[in-house]
Structures are given as structure tokens and as C-alpha cells.
């Protein structure tokens, strides 16, 4: 399984920089509100599909 940070996932984002940063912020809020800690696994679906362990 690949390991990634939210910054790394934003770097992979093919949308506008502003849209990617908005998704990053929304992801951070969601993970924090659900009490997820570093190491949670997320599935990315789009131009490619993969699982990432967030660090």
C-alpha cells in the first residue's frame, strides 16, 4: 500500500489549484471530525484508483 500526505494528494490533483486546496481542507476537516488519526487508509477513485495510507 502506498503512503501519502494530503499535500502529496493535492500535488496529484488535476483540477485547479484552488479546487484541490479546497478538497484538501475539506478532507482535513472530515478526518478530524471523525477522530481519524495518521495512518488511516483512504481509497482514491478517478483517473486512477488506489489505496493510500495517510501519514
C-alpha atoms as a PDB file:
ATOM      1  CA  UNK A   1       0.000   0.000   0.000  1.00  0.00           C
ATOM      2  CA  UNK A   2       1.228   3.472  -0.848  1.00  0.00           C
ATOM      3  CA  UNK A   3       1.711   6.111   1.817  1.00  0.00           C
ATOM      4  CA  UNK A   4       0.816   9.727   1.134  1.00  0.00           C
ATOM      5  CA  UNK A   5       0.237  13.015   2.861  1.00  0.00           C
ATOM      6  CA  UNK A   6      -2.637  15.326   1.985  1.00  0.00           C
ATOM      7  CA  UNK A   7      -0.053  17.626   0.385  1.00  0.00           C
ATOM      8  CA  UNK A   8       1.076  14.775  -1.872  1.00  0.00           C
ATOM      9  CA  UNK A   9      -2.510  14.047  -2.905  1.00  0.00           C
ATOM     10  CA  UNK A  10      -3.042  17.745  -3.724  1.00  0.00           C
ATOM     11  CA  UNK A  11       0.073  17.597  -5.903  1.00  0.00           C
ATOM     12  CA  UNK A  12      -1.554  14.715  -7.833  1.00  0.00           C
ATOM     13  CA  UNK A  13      -4.833  16.610  -8.269  1.00  0.00           C
ATOM     14  CA  UNK A  14      -5.547  17.594 -11.881  1.00  0.00           C
ATOM     15  CA  UNK A  15      -8.192  20.216 -11.046  1.00  0.00           C
ATOM     16  CA  UNK A  16      -7.438  23.898 -10.484  1.00  0.00           C
ATOM     17  CA  UNK A  17      -5.079  24.681  -7.617  1.00  0.00           C
ATOM     18  CA  UNK A  18      -7.877  26.405  -5.700  1.00  0.00           C
ATOM     19  CA  UNK A  19     -10.226  23.440  -6.091  1.00  0.00           C
ATOM     20  CA  UNK A  20      -7.518  20.994  -4.992  1.00  0.00           C
ATOM     21  CA  UNK A  21      -6.726  23.088  -1.909  1.00  0.00           C
ATOM     22  CA  UNK A  22     -10.442  23.267  -1.058  1.00  0.00           C
ATOM     23  CA  UNK A  23     -10.665  19.462  -1.244  1.00  0.00           C
ATOM     24  CA  UNK A  24      -7.569  19.211   0.965  1.00  0.00           C
ATOM     25  CA  UNK A  25      -9.164  21.447   3.587  1.00  0.00           C
ATOM     26  CA  UNK A  26     -12.475  19.563   3.426  1.00  0.00           C
ATOM     27  CA  UNK A  27     -10.629  16.259   3.807  1.00  0.00           C
ATOM     28  CA  UNK A  28      -8.732  17.559   6.842  1.00  0.00           C
ATOM     29  CA  UNK A  29     -11.948  18.750   8.498  1.00  0.00           C
ATOM     30  CA  UNK A  30     -13.709  15.455   7.778  1.00  0.00           C
ATOM     31  CA  UNK A  31     -10.847  13.286   9.065  1.00  0.00           C
ATOM     32  CA  UNK A  32     -10.502  15.377  12.218  1.00  0.00           C
ATOM     33  CA  UNK A  33     -14.252  15.468  12.928  1.00  0.00           C
ATOM     34  CA  UNK A  34     -14.402  11.674  12.659  1.00  0.00           C
ATOM     35  CA  UNK A  35     -11.404  11.314  15.016  1.00  0.00           C
ATOM     36  CA  UNK A  36      -9.200   9.637  12.391  1.00  0.00           C
ATOM     37  CA  UNK A  37      -5.509   9.666  13.188  1.00  0.00           C
ATOM     38  CA  UNK A  38      -2.450   9.464  10.992  1.00  0.00           C
ATOM     39  CA  UNK A  39      -2.296   6.087   9.271  1.00  0.00           C
ATOM     40  CA  UNK A  40      -5.935   5.921   8.149  1.00  0.00           C
ATOM     41  CA  UNK A  41      -6.428   4.278   4.739  1.00  0.00           C
ATOM     42  CA  UNK A  42      -8.373   6.093   2.028  1.00  0.00           C
ATOM     43  CA  UNK A  43      -9.399   4.938  -1.431  1.00  0.00           C
ATOM     44  CA  UNK A  44      -8.819   7.322  -4.330  1.00  0.00           C
ATOM     45  CA  UNK A  45     -11.072   6.959  -7.375  1.00  0.00           C
ATOM     46  CA  UNK A  46     -10.667   8.907 -10.600  1.00  0.00           C
ATOM     47  CA  UNK A  47      -8.182   8.784 -13.451  1.00  0.00           C
ATOM     48  CA  UNK A  48      -6.537   6.088 -11.352  1.00  0.00           C
ATOM     49  CA  UNK A  49      -7.755   4.009  -8.425  1.00  0.00           C
ATOM     50  CA  UNK A  50      -5.562   3.185  -5.464  1.00  0.00           C
ATOM     51  CA  UNK A  51      -5.489   2.965  -1.678  1.00  0.00           C
ATOM     52  CA  UNK A  52      -3.291   5.291   0.347  1.00  0.00           C
ATOM     53  CA  UNK A  53      -2.267   5.236   3.971  1.00  0.00           C
ATOM     54  CA  UNK A  54      -2.260   8.867   5.088  1.00  0.00           C
ATOM     55  CA  UNK A  55       0.779   9.972   7.027  1.00  0.00           C
END
